[in-house]
Amino acid sequence: MQGWVLAHGWSGRNPERLAQYVRDITSGKRPRTRSVIRPEYVDMLRERVAQGPGDGQGRATAVDQ
């Protein structure tokens, strides 16, 4: 996983943080979140995926929440 994110432009400490997150989940820890996304946000992301690439909407970001 960490190799994939490095190959896809992740930088700084983020790849190591993701690797630690995966290790924690694998060892049985439950992830904790700081905020909860709205249920309709997930629906909106599903619609974007269903539309496919080239719809002009770009990537979803934390700002979209």
C-alpha atoms as a PDB file:
ATOM      1  CA  MET A   1       0.000   0.000   0.000  1.00  0.00           C
ATOM      2  CA  GLN A   2       2.747   2.440   0.950  1.00  0.00           C
ATOM      3  CA  GLY A   3       4.571   1.758  -2.322  1.00  0.00           C
ATOM      4  CA  TRP A   4       1.409   2.454  -4.316  1.00  0.00           C
ATOM      5  CA  VAL A   5       0.785   5.816  -2.670  1.00  0.00           C
ATOM      6  CA  LEU A   6       4.418   6.848  -3.193  1.00  0.00           C
ATOM      7  CA  ALA A   7       4.097   5.955  -6.872  1.00  0.00           C
ATOM      8  CA  HIS A   8       0.931   8.058  -7.078  1.00  0.00           C
ATOM      9  CA  GLY A   9       2.339  11.279  -5.708  1.00  0.00           C
ATOM     10  CA  TRP A  10       1.866  11.057  -1.957  1.00  0.00           C
ATOM     11  CA  SER A  11       4.687  12.773  -0.147  1.00  0.00           C
ATOM     12  CA  GLY A  12       5.941  13.881   3.228  1.00  0.00           C
ATOM     13  CA  ARG A  13       4.893  11.779   6.196  1.00  0.00           C
ATOM     14  CA  ASN A  14       1.562  10.768   4.645  1.00  0.00           C
ATOM     15  CA  PRO A  15       2.742   7.406   3.194  1.00  0.00           C
ATOM     16  CA  GLU A  16       4.143   6.372   6.569  1.00  0.00           C
ATOM     17  CA  ARG A  17       0.968   7.518   8.325  1.00  0.00           C
ATOM     18  CA  LEU A  18      -1.098   5.396   5.958  1.00  0.00           C
ATOM     19  CA  ALA A  19       1.197   2.412   6.533  1.00  0.00           C
ATOM     20  CA  GLN A  20       0.772   2.804  10.303  1.00  0.00           C
ATOM     21  CA  TYR A  21      -2.999   3.117   9.873  1.00  0.00           C
ATOM     22  CA  VAL A  22      -3.040  -0.161   7.925  1.00  0.00           C
ATOM     23  CA  ARG A  23      -0.855  -1.879  10.536  1.00  0.00           C
ATOM     24  CA  ASP A  24      -3.176  -0.693  13.307  1.00  0.00           C
ATOM     25  CA  ILE A  25      -6.291  -1.980  11.525  1.00  0.00           C
ATOM     26  CA  THR A  26      -4.574  -5.287  10.743  1.00  0.00           C
ATOM     27  CA  SER A  27      -3.698  -5.697  14.420  1.00  0.00           C
ATOM     28  CA  GLY A  28      -7.337  -5.177  15.418  1.00  0.00           C
ATOM     29  CA  LYS A  29      -7.464  -1.493  16.323  1.00  0.00           C
ATOM     30  CA  ARG A  30     -10.530   0.417  15.233  1.00  0.00           C
ATOM     31  CA  PRO A  31      -9.855   3.655  13.388  1.00  0.00           C
ATOM     32  CA  ARG A  32     -11.115   6.862  14.931  1.00  0.00           C
ATOM     33  CA  THR A  33     -12.226   9.850  12.965  1.00  0.00           C
ATOM     34  CA  ARG A  34     -12.232  13.510  13.833  1.00  0.00           C
ATOM     35  CA  SER A  35     -15.297  14.307  11.801  1.00  0.00           C
ATOM     36  CA  VAL A  36     -18.180  12.475  10.235  1.00  0.00           C
ATOM     37  CA  ILE A  37     -19.094  12.999   6.611  1.00  0.00           C
ATOM     38  CA  ARG A  38     -22.680  13.531   5.582  1.00  0.00           C
ATOM     39  CA  PRO A  39     -24.430  10.438   4.154  1.00  0.00           C
ATOM     40  CA  GLU A  40     -25.325  12.361   0.981  1.00  0.00           C
ATOM     41  CA  TYR A  41     -21.610  13.001   0.376  1.00  0.00           C
ATOM     42  CA  VAL A  42     -21.042   9.277  -0.099  1.00  0.00           C
ATOM     43  CA  ASP A  43     -23.997   9.147  -2.499  1.00  0.00           C
ATOM     44  CA  MET A  44     -22.539  12.062  -4.456  1.00  0.00           C
ATOM     45  CA  LEU A  45     -19.184  10.261  -4.758  1.00  0.00           C
ATOM     46  CA  ARG A  46     -20.946   7.121  -5.993  1.00  0.00           C
ATOM     47  CA  GLU A  47     -22.726   9.186  -8.652  1.00  0.00           C
ATOM     48  CA  ARG A  48     -19.414  10.695  -9.777  1.00  0.00           C
ATOM     49  CA  VAL A  49     -17.871   7.244 -10.108  1.00  0.00           C
ATOM     50  CA  ALA A  50     -20.877   6.022 -12.075  1.00  0.00           C
ATOM     51  CA  GLN A  51     -20.544   8.980 -14.467  1.00  0.00           C
ATOM     52  CA  GLY A  52     -16.984   7.995 -15.268  1.00  0.00           C
ATOM     53  CA  PRO A  53     -14.002  10.155 -16.177  1.00  0.00           C
ATOM     54  CA  GLY A  54     -14.259  13.341 -18.175  1.00  0.00           C
ATOM     55  CA  ASP A  55     -17.376  14.701 -16.531  1.00  0.00           C
ATOM     56  CA  GLY A  56     -15.594  17.962 -15.717  1.00  0.00           C
ATOM     57  CA  GLN A  57     -16.171  17.722 -11.997  1.00  0.00           C
ATOM     58  CA  GLY A  58     -12.621  16.849 -10.988  1.00  0.00           C
ATOM     59  CA  ARG A  59     -11.596  14.992  -7.887  1.00  0.00           C
ATOM     60  CA  ALA A  60     -13.515  15.030  -4.648  1.00  0.00           C
ATOM     61  CA  THR A  61     -11.656  16.787  -1.848  1.00  0.00           C
ATOM     62  CA  ALA A  62     -12.182  17.521   1.817  1.00  0.00           C
ATOM     63  CA  VAL A  63     -13.483  20.924   0.722  1.00  0.00           C
ATOM     64  CA  ASP A  64     -16.363  19.189  -1.059  1.00  0.00           C
ATOM     65  CA  GLN A  65     -17.629  17.936   2.282  1.00  0.00           C
END
